[in-house]
Amino acid sequence: MPAYEICYLDEAGALTYKFSATCDDDQRAKILAHAMKLPSAKRLEVWTGEALIYTRPSATPERQMLRAS
């Protein structure tokens, strides 16, 4: 099973909390990310390794580049 890192960010883009999860596939990781989201989180991201597989709202190119470096 793939491992995922689920991150939640505030309105300024700062990380507020994150956790790791093992899910059967990307779709289940996305569902888990939404299920665990607190109302205070303004953005969520799901990562597998160095790859951003899902974000809501859509990620900015700057955020993707920050993670890759």
Protein backbone atom coordinates (compact mmCIF):
# COMPACT_ATOMS: atom_id res chain seq x y z
CA MET A 1 0.00 0.00 0.00
CA PRO A 2 1.28 3.47 -0.86
CA ALA A 3 2.16 5.93 1.88
CA TYR A 4 0.76 9.46 1.76
CA GLU A 5 1.46 12.70 3.58
CA ILE A 6 -1.64 14.84 4.08
CA CYS A 7 -0.97 18.52 4.81
CA TYR A 8 -3.28 21.33 5.87
CA LEU A 9 -2.38 24.99 5.41
CA ASP A 10 -3.80 28.29 6.64
CA GLU A 11 -4.86 31.25 4.48
CA ALA A 12 -1.25 32.49 4.29
CA GLY A 13 -0.03 29.10 3.05
CA ALA A 14 1.69 28.12 6.30
CA LEU A 15 1.51 24.49 7.36
CA THR A 16 -0.87 24.10 10.29
CA TYR A 17 -0.78 20.32 10.64
CA LYS A 18 -0.01 17.14 8.73
CA PHE A 19 -0.14 13.41 9.13
CA SER A 20 0.97 10.31 7.29
CA ALA A 21 -1.38 7.58 6.17
CA THR A 22 -1.25 4.33 4.29
CA CYS A 23 -4.10 4.06 1.79
CA ASP A 24 -5.00 1.58 -0.93
CA ASP A 25 -4.77 4.21 -3.66
CA ASP A 26 -4.76 7.93 -4.45
CA GLN A 27 -8.56 8.19 -4.38
CA ARG A 28 -8.79 6.86 -0.82
CA ALA A 29 -6.04 9.26 0.28
CA LYS A 30 -8.01 12.18 -1.17
CA ILE A 31 -11.17 11.08 0.63
CA LEU A 32 -9.29 10.72 3.90
CA ALA A 33 -7.77 14.19 3.48
CA HIS A 34 -11.22 15.74 3.14
CA ALA A 35 -12.67 13.69 5.99
CA MET A 36 -9.96 14.82 8.42
CA LYS A 37 -9.98 18.51 7.39
CA LEU A 38 -10.80 20.99 10.13
CA PRO A 39 -12.82 24.09 9.24
CA SER A 40 -9.80 26.29 10.04
CA ALA A 41 -7.73 24.71 7.24
CA LYS A 42 -7.93 26.74 4.05
CA ARG A 43 -5.94 24.40 1.81
CA LEU A 44 -5.19 20.71 1.79
CA GLU A 45 -2.49 18.80 -0.06
CA VAL A 46 -1.90 15.08 -0.56
CA TRP A 47 1.65 14.00 -1.31
CA THR A 48 3.20 10.67 -2.14
CA GLY A 49 6.94 10.95 -1.88
CA GLU A 50 7.94 14.14 -3.71
CA ALA A 51 4.82 14.15 -5.91
CA LEU A 52 1.84 16.37 -5.16
CA ILE A 53 -1.11 14.26 -6.24
CA TYR A 54 -4.01 16.42 -5.02
CA THR A 55 -4.69 19.87 -3.65
CA ARG A 56 -7.77 21.94 -2.88
CA PRO A 57 -8.02 24.69 -3.88
CA SER A 58 -5.68 24.14 -6.81
CA ALA A 59 -1.98 24.55 -6.04
CA THR A 60 0.09 27.46 -7.19
CA PRO A 61 3.29 26.68 -9.12
CA GLU A 62 5.30 28.37 -6.33
CA ARG A 63 4.00 25.90 -3.72
CA GLN A 64 4.86 22.92 -5.93
CA MET A 65 8.39 24.26 -6.44
CA LEU A 66 8.87 24.80 -2.69
CA ARG A 67 8.11 21.14 -1.99
CA ALA A 68 10.40 19.89 -4.76
CA SER A 69 13.42 21.77 -3.39
